PDB file of N, CA and C in Angstrom:
ATOM      1  N   MET A   1      11.702   5.872  39.215  1.00  0.00           N
ATOM      2  CA  MET A   1      11.475   6.286  37.830  1.00  0.00           C
ATOM      3  C   MET A   1      12.890   6.766  37.467  1.00  0.00           C
ATOM      4  N   THR A   2      13.430   6.175  36.405  1.00  0.00           N
ATOM      5  CA  THR A   2      14.734   6.742  36.018  1.00  0.00           C
ATOM      6  C   THR A   2      14.557   7.825  35.078  1.00  0.00           C
ATOM      7  N   PRO A   3      15.576   8.701  34.787  1.00  0.00           N
ATOM      8  CA  PRO A   3      15.430   9.673  33.919  1.00  0.00           C
ATOM      9  C   PRO A   3      15.156   9.337  32.532  1.00  0.00           C
ATOM     10  N   LYS A   4      15.699   8.151  32.075  1.00  0.00           N
ATOM     11  CA  LYS A   4      15.531   7.784  30.730  1.00  0.00           C
ATOM     12  C   LYS A   4      14.039   7.263  30.557  1.00  0.00           C
ATOM     13  N   LEU A   5      13.460   6.656  31.399  1.00  0.00           N
ATOM     14  CA  LEU A   5      12.032   6.319  31.486  1.00  0.00           C
ATOM     15  C   LEU A   5      11.140   7.431  31.500  1.00  0.00           C
ATOM     16  N   TYR A   6      11.520   8.490  32.310  1.00  0.00           N
ATOM     17  CA  TYR A   6      10.720   9.684  32.533  1.00  0.00           C
ATOM     18  C   TYR A   6      10.694  10.452  31.028  1.00  0.00           C
ATOM     19  N   THR A   7      11.776  10.497  30.355  1.00  0.00           N
ATOM     20  CA  THR A   7      11.889  11.219  29.082  1.00  0.00           C
ATOM     21  C   THR A   7      11.131  10.480  28.029  1.00  0.00           C
ATOM     22  N   GLN A   8      11.124   9.069  28.109  1.00  0.00           N
ATOM     23  CA  GLN A   8      10.257   8.356  27.117  1.00  0.00           C
ATOM     24  C   GLN A   8       8.750   8.556  27.374  1.00  0.00           C
ATOM     25  N   MET A   9       8.391   8.587  28.640  1.00  0.00           N
ATOM     26  CA  MET A   9       7.048   8.865  28.952  1.00  0.00           C
ATOM     27  C   MET A   9       6.554  10.264  28.584  1.00  0.00           C
ATOM     28  N   ALA A  10       7.412  11.280  28.821  1.00  0.00           N
ATOM     29  CA  ALA A  10       7.059  12.651  28.430  1.00  0.00           C
ATOM     30  C   ALA A  10       6.881  12.782  26.934  1.00  0.00           C
ATOM     31  N   ALA A  11       7.676  12.082  26.061  1.00  0.00           N
ATOM     32  CA  ALA A  11       7.654  12.144  24.744  1.00  0.00           C
ATOM     33  C   ALA A  11       6.466  11.377  24.298  1.00  0.00           C
ATOM     34  N   ALA A  12       6.009  10.357  24.880  1.00  0.00           N
ATOM     35  CA  ALA A  12       4.696   9.645  24.679  1.00  0.00           C
ATOM     36  C   ALA A  12       3.469  10.524  24.952  1.00  0.00           C
ATOM     37  N   VAL A  13       3.572  11.181  26.101  1.00  0.00           N
ATOM     38  CA  VAL A  13       2.449  12.155  26.348  1.00  0.00           C
ATOM     39  C   VAL A  13       2.439  13.379  25.300  1.00  0.00           C
ATOM     40  N   ASN A  14       3.539  13.788  24.898  1.00  0.00           N
ATOM     41  CA  ASN A  14       3.501  14.946  23.914  1.00  0.00           C
ATOM     42  C   ASN A  14       2.978  14.480  22.496  1.00  0.00           C
ATOM     43  N   VAL A  15       3.276  13.197  22.143  1.00  0.00           N
ATOM     44  CA  VAL A  15       2.875  12.766  20.864  1.00  0.00           C
ATOM     45  C   VAL A  15       1.285  12.547  20.956  1.00  0.00           C
ATOM     46  N   SER A  16       0.955  11.971  22.052  1.00  0.00           N
ATOM     47  CA  SER A  16      -0.496  11.762  22.122  1.00  0.00           C
ATOM     48  C   SER A  16      -1.419  13.081  22.248  1.00  0.00           C
ATOM     49  N   TYR A  17      -0.720  14.050  22.906  1.00  0.00           N
ATOM     50  CA  TYR A  17      -1.434  15.267  22.892  1.00  0.00           C
ATOM     51  C   TYR A  17      -1.552  16.066  21.649  1.00  0.00           C
ATOM     52  N   GLY A  18      -0.354  15.866  20.927  1.00  0.00           N
ATOM     53  CA  GLY A  18      -0.400  16.399  19.483  1.00  0.00           C
ATOM     54  C   GLY A  18      -1.400  15.745  18.664  1.00  0.00           C
ATOM     55  N   LEU A  19      -1.588  14.326  18.765  1.00  0.00           N
ATOM     56  CA  LEU A  19      -2.575  13.622  17.970  1.00  0.00           C
ATOM     57  C   LEU A  19      -3.897  14.048  18.229  1.00  0.00           C
ATOM     58  N   TYR A  20      -4.115  14.293  19.603  1.00  0.00           N
ATOM     59  CA  TYR A  20      -5.485  14.725  20.136  1.00  0.00           C
ATOM     60  C   TYR A  20      -5.878  16.129  19.523  1.00  0.00           C
ATOM     61  N   LYS A  21      -4.845  17.051  19.678  1.00  0.00           N
ATOM     62  CA  LYS A  21      -5.140  18.344  19.282  1.00  0.00           C
ATOM     63  C   LYS A  21      -5.259  18.519  17.710  1.00  0.00           C
ATOM     64  N   TYR A  22      -4.419  17.850  17.013  1.00  0.00           N
ATOM     65  CA  TYR A  22      -4.204  18.111  15.663  1.00  0.00           C
ATOM     66  C   TYR A  22      -4.827  17.038  14.765  1.00  0.00           C
ATOM     67  N   GLY A  23      -5.258  15.909  15.338  1.00  0.00           N
ATOM     68  CA  GLY A  23      -5.864  14.959  14.657  1.00  0.00           C
ATOM     69  C   GLY A  23      -6.952  15.219  13.747  1.00  0.00           C
ATOM     70  N   PRO A  24      -8.039  15.877  14.200  1.00  0.00           N
ATOM     71  CA  PRO A  24      -9.093  16.302  13.390  1.00  0.00           C
ATOM     72  C   PRO A  24      -8.639  17.246  12.108  1.00  0.00           C
ATOM     73  N   PHE A  25      -7.826  18.086  12.378  1.00  0.00           N
ATOM     74  CA  PHE A  25      -7.404  18.909  11.328  1.00  0.00           C
ATOM     75  C   PHE A  25      -6.612  18.112  10.204  1.00  0.00           C
ATOM     76  N   LEU A  26      -5.780  17.231  10.691  1.00  0.00           N
ATOM     77  CA  LEU A  26      -5.088  16.248   9.790  1.00  0.00           C
ATOM     78  C   LEU A  26      -6.061  15.461   8.909  1.00  0.00           C
ATOM     79  N   ALA A  27      -7.142  14.925   9.624  1.00  0.00           N
ATOM     80  CA  ALA A  27      -8.024  14.183   8.886  1.00  0.00           C
ATOM     81  C   ALA A  27      -8.833  14.935   7.938  1.00  0.00           C
ATOM     82  N   ASP A  28      -9.223  16.256   8.288  1.00  0.00           N
ATOM     83  CA  ASP A  28      -9.723  16.972   7.201  1.00  0.00           C
ATOM     84  C   ASP A  28      -8.946  17.312   6.040  1.00  0.00           C
ATOM     85  N   LEU A  29      -7.688  17.575   6.295  1.00  0.00           N
ATOM     86  CA  LEU A  29      -6.659  17.666   5.040  1.00  0.00           C
ATOM     87  C   LEU A  29      -6.754  16.480   4.229  1.00  0.00           C
ATOM     88  N   ARG A  30      -6.704  15.264   4.753  1.00  0.00           N
ATOM     89  CA  ARG A  30      -6.694  13.912   4.092  1.00  0.00           C
ATOM     90  C   ARG A  30      -7.931  14.108   3.149  1.00  0.00           C
ATOM     91  N   GLY A  31      -9.091  14.381   3.533  1.00  0.00           N
ATOM     92  CA  GLY A  31     -10.317  14.333   2.765  1.00  0.00           C
ATOM     93  C   GLY A  31     -10.579  15.617   1.907  1.00  0.00           C
ATOM     94  N   CYS A  32      -9.661  16.565   1.968  1.00  0.00           N
ATOM     95  CA  CYS A  32      -9.869  17.774   1.315  1.00  0.00           C
ATOM     96  C   CYS A  32     -11.030  18.682   1.980  1.00  0.00           C
ATOM     97  N   ASN A  33     -11.575  18.242   2.982  1.00  0.00           N
ATOM     98  CA  ASN A  33     -12.636  19.129   3.491  1.00  0.00           C
ATOM     99  C   ASN A  33     -12.257  20.444   4.035  1.00  0.00           C
ATOM    100  N   PHE A  34     -11.023  20.498   4.533  1.00  0.00           N
ATOM    101  CA  PHE A  34     -10.490  21.719   5.044  1.00  0.00           C
ATOM    102  C   PHE A  34     -10.346  22.748   3.890  1.00  0.00           C
ATOM    103  N   VAL A  35      -9.752  22.337   2.885  1.00  0.00           N
ATOM    104  CA  VAL A  35      -9.529  23.111   1.792  1.00  0.00           C
ATOM    105  C   VAL A  35     -10.751  23.539   1.005  1.00  0.00           C
ATOM    106  N   ARG A  36     -11.659  22.748   0.847  1.00  0.00           N
ATOM    107  CA  ARG A  36     -13.009  23.063   0.345  1.00  0.00           C
ATOM    108  C   ARG A  36     -13.794  24.227   1.224  1.00  0.00           C
ATOM    109  N   SER A  37     -13.797  23.891   2.528  1.00  0.00           N
ATOM    110  CA  SER A  37     -14.391  24.849   3.402  1.00  0.00           C
ATOM    111  C   SER A  37     -13.694  26.143   3.504  1.00  0.00           C
ATOM    112  N   THR A  38     -12.367  26.128   3.420  1.00  0.00           N
ATOM    113  CA  THR A  38     -11.676  27.264   3.507  1.00  0.00           C
ATOM    114  C   THR A  38     -11.899  28.172   2.088  1.00  0.00           C
ATOM    115  N   PHE A  39     -11.913  27.698   1.004  1.00  0.00           N
ATOM    116  CA  PHE A  39     -12.100  28.396  -0.227  1.00  0.00           C
ATOM    117  C   PHE A  39     -13.617  28.815  -0.203  1.00  0.00           C
ATOM    118  N   THR A  40     -14.594  27.881   0.266  1.00  0.00           N
ATOM    119  CA  THR A  40     -15.910  28.298   0.299  1.00  0.00           C
ATOM    120  C   THR A  40     -16.161  29.533   1.082  1.00  0.00           C
ATOM    121  N   ASP A  41     -15.486  29.539   2.338  1.00  0.00           N
ATOM    122  CA  ASP A  41     -15.624  30.671   3.295  1.00  0.00           C
ATOM    123  C   ASP A  41     -15.079  32.015   2.659  1.00  0.00           C
ATOM    124  N   ILE A  42     -13.794  31.878   1.960  1.00  0.00           N
ATOM    125  CA  ILE A  42     -13.179  32.956   1.171  1.00  0.00           C
ATOM    126  C   ILE A  42     -14.051  33.517   0.255  1.00  0.00           C
ATOM    127  N   GLU A  43     -14.676  32.652  -0.603  1.00  0.00           N
ATOM    128  CA  GLU A  43     -15.609  32.996  -1.712  1.00  0.00           C
ATOM    129  C   GLU A  43     -16.849  33.682  -1.108  1.00  0.00           C
ATOM    130  N   ARG A  44     -17.339  33.263  -0.076  1.00  0.00           N
ATOM    131  CA  ARG A  44     -18.579  33.876   0.333  1.00  0.00           C
ATOM    132  C   ARG A  44     -18.397  35.082   1.002  1.00  0.00           C
ATOM    133  N   ASP A  45     -17.318  35.296   1.894  1.00  0.00           N
ATOM    134  CA  ASP A  45     -17.028  36.471   2.685  1.00  0.00           C
ATOM    135  C   ASP A  45     -16.206  37.585   1.997  1.00  0.00           C
ATOM    136  N   HIS A  46     -15.236  37.202   1.231  1.00  0.00           N
ATOM    137  CA  HIS A  46     -14.355  38.201   0.640  1.00  0.00           C
ATOM    138  C   HIS A  46     -14.456  38.384  -0.949  1.00  0.00           C
ATOM    139  N   CYS A  47     -14.687  37.261  -1.712  1.00  0.00           N
ATOM    140  CA  CYS A  47     -14.612  37.412  -3.079  1.00  0.00           C
ATOM    141  C   CYS A  47     -15.876  36.798  -3.691  1.00  0.00           C
ATOM    142  N   PRO A  48     -16.960  37.588  -3.854  1.00  0.00           N
ATOM    143  CA  PRO A  48     -18.247  36.875  -4.323  1.00  0.00           C
ATOM    144  C   PRO A  48     -18.122  36.484  -5.818  1.00  0.00           C
ATOM    145  N   GLY A  49     -17.101  37.081  -6.505  1.00  0.00           N
ATOM    146  CA  GLY A  49     -17.249  36.710  -7.916  1.00  0.00           C
ATOM    147  C   GLY A  49     -16.002  35.661  -8.197  1.00  0.00           C
ATOM    148  N   LEU A  50     -15.495  35.013  -7.194  1.00  0.00           N
ATOM    149  CA  LEU A  50     -14.428  34.104  -7.288  1.00  0.00           C
ATOM    150  C   LEU A  50     -14.818  32.835  -8.186  1.00  0.00           C
ATOM    151  N   LYS A  51     -16.202  32.431  -7.949  1.00  0.00           N
ATOM    152  CA  LYS A  51     -16.555  31.330  -8.722  1.00  0.00           C
ATOM    153  C   LYS A  51     -16.751  31.598 -10.285  1.00  0.00           C
ATOM    154  N   ARG A  52     -17.130  32.790 -10.545  1.00  0.00           N
ATOM    155  CA  ARG A  52     -17.257  33.058 -11.892  1.00  0.00           C
ATOM    156  C   ARG A  52     -15.953  33.200 -12.496  1.00  0.00           C
ATOM    157  N   TYR A  53     -14.978  33.675 -11.887  1.00  0.00           N
ATOM    158  CA  TYR A  53     -13.578  33.988 -12.367  1.00  0.00           C
ATOM    159  C   TYR A  53     -12.760  32.705 -12.514  1.00  0.00           C
ATOM    160  N   THR A  54     -13.115  31.725 -11.494  1.00  0.00           N
ATOM    161  CA  THR A  54     -12.444  30.558 -11.774  1.00  0.00           C
ATOM    162  C   THR A  54     -13.070  29.721 -12.858  1.00  0.00           C
ATOM    163  N   GLN A  55     -14.235  29.902 -13.028  1.00  0.00           N
ATOM    164  CA  GLN A  55     -14.966  29.172 -14.408  1.00  0.00           C
ATOM    165  C   GLN A  55     -14.213  29.774 -15.559  1.00  0.00           C
ATOM    166  N   TRP A  56     -14.096  31.020 -15.723  1.00  0.00           N
ATOM    167  CA  TRP A  56     -13.343  31.531 -16.766  1.00  0.00           C
ATOM    168  C   TRP A  56     -11.860  31.179 -17.005  1.00  0.00           C
ATOM    169  N   ILE A  57     -11.316  30.979 -15.811  1.00  0.00           N
ATOM    170  CA  ILE A  57      -9.877  30.510 -15.908  1.00  0.00           C
ATOM    171  C   ILE A  57      -9.875  29.011 -16.475  1.00  0.00           C
ATOM    172  N   TYR A  58     -10.817  28.213 -15.854  1.00  0.00           N
ATOM    173  CA  TYR A  58     -11.071  26.888 -16.371  1.00  0.00           C
ATOM    174  C   TYR A  58     -11.195  26.762 -17.913  1.00  0.00           C
ATOM    175  N   VAL A  59     -12.285  27.594 -18.338  1.00  0.00           N
ATOM    176  CA  VAL A  59     -12.521  27.725 -19.834  1.00  0.00           C
ATOM    177  C   VAL A  59     -11.171  27.953 -20.682  1.00  0.00           C
ATOM    178  N   GLY A  60     -10.514  29.057 -20.041  1.00  0.00           N
ATOM    179  CA  GLY A  60      -9.202  29.475 -20.831  1.00  0.00           C
ATOM    180  C   GLY A  60      -8.223  28.217 -20.837  1.00  0.00           C
ATOM    181  N   LEU A  61      -8.013  27.617 -19.763  1.00  0.00           N
ATOM    182  CA  LEU A  61      -6.954  26.590 -19.787  1.00  0.00           C
ATOM    183  C   LEU A  61      -7.444  25.411 -20.738  1.00  0.00           C
ATOM    184  N   MET A  62      -8.780  25.218 -20.718  1.00  0.00           N
ATOM    185  CA  MET A  62      -9.278  24.066 -21.699  1.00  0.00           C
ATOM    186  C   MET A  62      -9.092  24.404 -23.105  1.00  0.00           C
ATOM    187  N   LEU A  63      -9.072  25.807 -23.269  1.00  0.00           N
ATOM    188  CA  LEU A  63      -8.970  26.379 -24.834  1.00  0.00           C
ATOM    189  C   LEU A  63      -7.458  26.225 -25.187  1.00  0.00           C
ATOM    190  N   VAL A  64      -6.675  26.576 -24.313  1.00  0.00           N
ATOM    191  CA  VAL A  64      -5.172  26.411 -24.528  1.00  0.00           C
ATOM    192  C   VAL A  64      -4.842  25.062 -24.586  1.00  0.00           C
ATOM    193  N   SER A  65      -5.322  24.084 -23.744  1.00  0.00           N
ATOM    194  CA  SER A  65      -4.839  22.707 -23.963  1.00  0.00           C
ATOM    195  C   SER A  65      -5.512  22.082 -25.255  1.00  0.00           C
ATOM    196  N   THR A  66      -6.553  22.482 -25.655  1.00  0.00           N
ATOM    197  CA  THR A  66      -7.241  22.145 -27.020  1.00  0.00           C
ATOM    198  C   THR A  66      -6.297  22.530 -28.085  1.00  0.00           C
ATOM    199  N   ALA A  67      -5.962  23.785 -28.033  1.00  0.00           N
ATOM    200  CA  ALA A  67      -5.043  24.409 -29.139  1.00  0.00           C
ATOM    201  C   ALA A  67      -3.667  23.827 -29.229  1.00  0.00           C
ATOM    202  N   VAL A  68      -3.199  23.490 -28.084  1.00  0.00           N
ATOM    203  CA  VAL A  68      -1.838  22.627 -28.087  1.00  0.00           C
ATOM    204  C   VAL A  68      -2.013  21.372 -28.636  1.00  0.00           C
ATOM    205  N   MET A  69      -3.139  20.669 -28.378  1.00  0.00           N
ATOM    206  CA  MET A  69      -3.411  19.304 -28.847  1.00  0.00           C
ATOM    207  C   MET A  69      -3.563  19.299 -30.343  1.00  0.00           C
ATOM    208  N   LEU A  70      -4.369  20.186 -30.860  1.00  0.00           N
ATOM    209  CA  LEU A  70      -4.684  20.353 -32.179  1.00  0.00           C
ATOM    210  C   LEU A  70      -3.220  20.782 -33.062  1.00  0.00           C
ATOM    211  N   SER A  71      -2.512  21.684 -32.452  1.00  0.00           N
ATOM    212  CA  SER A  71      -1.242  21.912 -33.099  1.00  0.00           C
ATOM    213  C   SER A  71      -0.310  20.735 -33.076  1.00  0.00           C
ATOM    214  N   LEU A  72      -0.371  19.948 -32.012  1.00  0.00           N
ATOM    215  CA  LEU A  72       0.527  18.786 -32.135  1.00  0.00           C
ATOM    216  C   LEU A  72      -0.025  17.735 -33.213  1.00  0.00           C
ATOM    217  N   VAL A  73      -1.187  17.661 -33.371  1.00  0.00           N
ATOM    218  CA  VAL A  73      -1.873  16.616 -34.307  1.00  0.00           C
ATOM    219  C   VAL A  73      -1.531  17.089 -35.738  1.00  0.00           C
ATOM    220  N   PHE A  74      -1.844  18.522 -36.016  1.00  0.00           N
ATOM    221  CA  PHE A  74      -1.301  19.039 -37.276  1.00  0.00           C
ATOM    222  C   PHE A  74       0.089  18.955 -37.675  1.00  0.00           C
ATOM    223  N   TRP A  75       0.950  19.100 -36.592  1.00  0.00           N
ATOM    224  CA  TRP A  75       2.405  18.935 -36.811  1.00  0.00           C
ATOM    225  C   TRP A  75       2.795  17.637 -37.120  1.00  0.00           C
ATOM    226  N   VAL A  76       2.104  16.636 -36.528  1.00  0.00           N
ATOM    227  CA  VAL A  76       2.458  15.196 -36.858  1.00  0.00           C
ATOM    228  C   VAL A  76       1.927  14.914 -38.268  1.00  0.00           C
ATOM    229  N   ILE A  77       0.753  15.368 -38.761  1.00  0.00           N
ATOM    230  CA  ILE A  77       0.367  15.134 -40.063  1.00  0.00           C
ATOM    231  C   ILE A  77       1.331  15.819 -41.092  1.00  0.00           C
ATOM    232  N   TYR A  78       1.671  17.025 -40.698  1.00  0.00           N
ATOM    233  CA  TYR A  78       2.562  17.869 -41.647  1.00  0.00           C
ATOM    234  C   TYR A  78       3.837  17.050 -41.858  1.00  0.00           C
ATOM    235  N   SER A  79       4.507  16.528 -40.664  1.00  0.00           N
ATOM    236  CA  SER A  79       5.753  15.902 -40.787  1.00  0.00           C
ATOM    237  C   SER A  79       5.491  14.669 -41.649  1.00  0.00           C
ATOM    238  N   ARG A  80       4.508  14.016 -41.441  1.00  0.00           N
ATOM    239  CA  ARG A  80       4.290  12.685 -42.248  1.00  0.00           C
ATOM    240  C   ARG A  80       4.198  13.022 -43.655  1.00  0.00           C
ATOM    241  N   GLU A  81       3.423  14.043 -44.046  1.00  0.00           N
ATOM    242  CA  GLU A  81       3.333  14.354 -45.342  1.00  0.00           C
ATOM    243  C   GLU A  81       4.621  14.825 -46.097  1.00  0.00           C
ATOM    244  N   ARG A  82       5.363  15.752 -45.215  1.00  0.00           N
ATOM    245  CA  ARG A  82       6.642  15.976 -45.794  1.00  0.00           C
ATOM    246  C   ARG A  82       7.637  14.942 -46.013  1.00  0.00           C
ATOM    247  N   ARG A  83       7.561  13.893 -45.027  1.00  0.00           N
ATOM    248  CA  ARG A  83       8.571  12.838 -45.113  1.00  0.00           C
ATOM    249  C   ARG A  83       8.156  11.986 -46.405  1.00  0.00           C
ATOM    250  N   HIS A  84       6.846  11.866 -46.657  1.00  0.00           N
ATOM    251  CA  HIS A  84       6.328  11.097 -47.808  1.00  0.00           C
ATOM    252  C   HIS A  84       6.636  11.831 -49.086  1.00  0.00           C
ATOM    253  N   ARG A  85       6.512  13.109 -49.047  1.00  0.00           N
ATOM    254  CA  ARG A  85       6.924  14.003 -50.264  1.00  0.00           C
ATOM    255  C   ARG A  85       8.362  13.729 -50.703  1.00  0.00           C
ATOM    256  N   VAL A  86       9.353  13.712 -49.616  1.00  0.00           N
ATOM    257  CA  VAL A  86      10.656  13.551 -49.829  1.00  0.00           C
ATOM    258  C   VAL A  86      11.034  12.214 -50.417  1.00  0.00           C
ATOM    259  N   TYR A  87      10.338  11.219 -49.926  1.00  0.00           N
ATOM    260  CA  TYR A  87      10.476   9.702 -50.333  1.00  0.00           C
ATOM    261  C   TYR A  87       9.998   9.679 -51.769  1.00  0.00           C
ATOM    262  N   THR A  88       8.881  10.191 -52.020  1.00  0.00           N
ATOM    263  CA  THR A  88       8.316  10.116 -53.456  1.00  0.00           C
ATOM    264  C   THR A  88       9.208  10.854 -54.371  1.00  0.00           C
ATOM    265  N   LYS A  89       9.886  12.078 -53.936  1.00  0.00           N
ATOM    266  CA  LYS A  89      10.707  12.805 -54.817  1.00  0.00           C
ATOM    267  C   LYS A  89      11.957  11.933 -55.186  1.00  0.00           C
ATOM    268  N   ASP A  90      12.518  11.304 -54.132  1.00  0.00           N
ATOM    269  CA  ASP A  90      13.858  10.542 -54.305  1.00  0.00           C
ATOM    270  C   ASP A  90      13.475   9.381 -55.159  1.00  0.00           C
ATOM    271  N   TYR A  91      12.202   8.655 -55.068  1.00  0.00           N
ATOM    272  CA  TYR A  91      11.917   7.557 -55.793  1.00  0.00           C
ATOM    273  C   TYR A  91      11.715   7.948 -57.186  1.00  0.00           C
ATOM    274  N   ASN A  92      11.075   9.035 -57.508  1.00  0.00           N
ATOM    275  CA  ASN A  92      10.992   9.434 -58.862  1.00  0.00           C
ATOM    276  C   ASN A  92      12.270   9.802 -59.528  1.00  0.00           C
ATOM    277  N   ALA A  93      13.290  10.392 -58.743  1.00  0.00           N
ATOM    278  CA  ALA A  93      14.443  10.737 -59.215  1.00  0.00           C
ATOM    279  C   ALA A  93      15.227   9.449 -59.664  1.00  0.00           C
ATOM    280  N   THR A  94      15.283   8.518 -58.818  1.00  0.00           N
ATOM    281  CA  THR A  94      15.997   7.416 -59.269  1.00  0.00           C
ATOM    282  C   THR A  94      15.429   6.523 -60.349  1.00  0.00           C
ATOM    283  N   HIS A  95      14.100   6.644 -60.462  1.00  0.00           N
ATOM    284  CA  HIS A  95      13.547   5.748 -61.599  1.00  0.00           C
ATOM    285  C   HIS A  95      13.343   6.677 -62.837  1.00  0.00           C
ATOM    286  N   SER A  96      13.515   7.887 -62.703  1.00  0.00           N
ATOM    287  CA  SER A  96      13.519   8.533 -64.142  1.00  0.00           C
ATOM    288  C   SER A  96      14.734   8.712 -64.812  1.00  0.00           C
ATOM    289  N   GLU A  97      15.895   8.320 -64.203  1.00  0.00           N
ATOM    290  CA  GLU A  97      17.247   8.254 -64.765  1.00  0.00           C
ATOM    291  C   GLU A  97      17.610   6.958 -65.595  1.00  0.00           C
ATOM    292  N   ALA A  98      16.443   6.365 -66.008  1.00  0.00           N
ATOM    293  CA  ALA A  98      16.707   5.063 -66.854  1.00  0.00           C
ATOM    294  C   ALA A  98      17.281   5.649 -68.232  1.00  0.00           C
ATOM    295  N   PRO A  99      18.047   4.827 -68.786  1.00  0.00           N
ATOM    296  CA  PRO A  99      18.779   5.020 -70.092  1.00  0.00           C
ATOM    297  C   PRO A  99      17.808   5.235 -71.125  1.00  0.00           C
ATOM    298  N   ARG A 100      17.978   6.300 -71.998  1.00  0.00           N
ATOM    299  CA  ARG A 100      17.034   6.631 -73.186  1.00  0.00           C
ATOM    300  C   ARG A 100      17.777   6.216 -74.282  1.00  0.00           C
ATOM    301  N   ASP A 101      16.792   5.888 -75.341  1.00  0.00           N
ATOM    302  CA  ASP A 101      17.399   5.671 -76.691  1.00  0.00           C
ATOM    303  C   ASP A 101      17.729   7.009 -77.228  1.00  0.00           C
ATOM    304  N   LYS A 102      18.793   7.048 -77.736  1.00  0.00           N
ATOM    305  CA  LYS A 102      19.135   8.360 -78.457  1.00  0.00           C
ATOM    306  C   LYS A 102      18.649   8.286 -79.935  1.00  0.00           C
ATOM    307  N   GLY A 103      18.290   7.146 -80.399  1.00  0.00           N
ATOM    308  CA  GLY A 103      17.730   7.044 -81.696  1.00  0.00           C
ATOM    309  C   GLY A 103      18.838   7.127 -82.737  1.00  0.00           C
ATOM    310  N   PRO A 104      18.504   7.122 -84.111  1.00  0.00           N
ATOM    311  CA  PRO A 104      19.548   7.075 -85.115  1.00  0.00           C
ATOM    312  C   PRO A 104      20.407   8.396 -85.105  1.00  0.00           C
ATOM    313  N   GLU A 105      21.688   8.170 -85.401  1.00  0.00           N
ATOM    314  CA  GLU A 105      22.500   9.474 -85.303  1.00  0.00           C
ATOM    315  C   GLU A 105      22.937   9.654 -86.789  1.00  0.00           C
TER     316      GLU A 105
END
């Protein structure tokens, strides 16, 4: 057996051992089972109010996102109305400058 072949075999054994040992953990990460079970354990053992507080955070984030959305909609409506007002003002100014009869002098 040559040293080069021995090195390749040792590398293959190390990779297969790593897959054997860490494969289930990596599969759990892929399906988010590890993260769910970790947070469930933390909530159950250390922070019993975590679920309630996360619901409040979720509600707060929903309120903030709704407020941002509504402000964006109102801003678009306001800018359209303002642009329309400027256009109407310019239109009235150009059409009201028609020559007037001065009448008899």
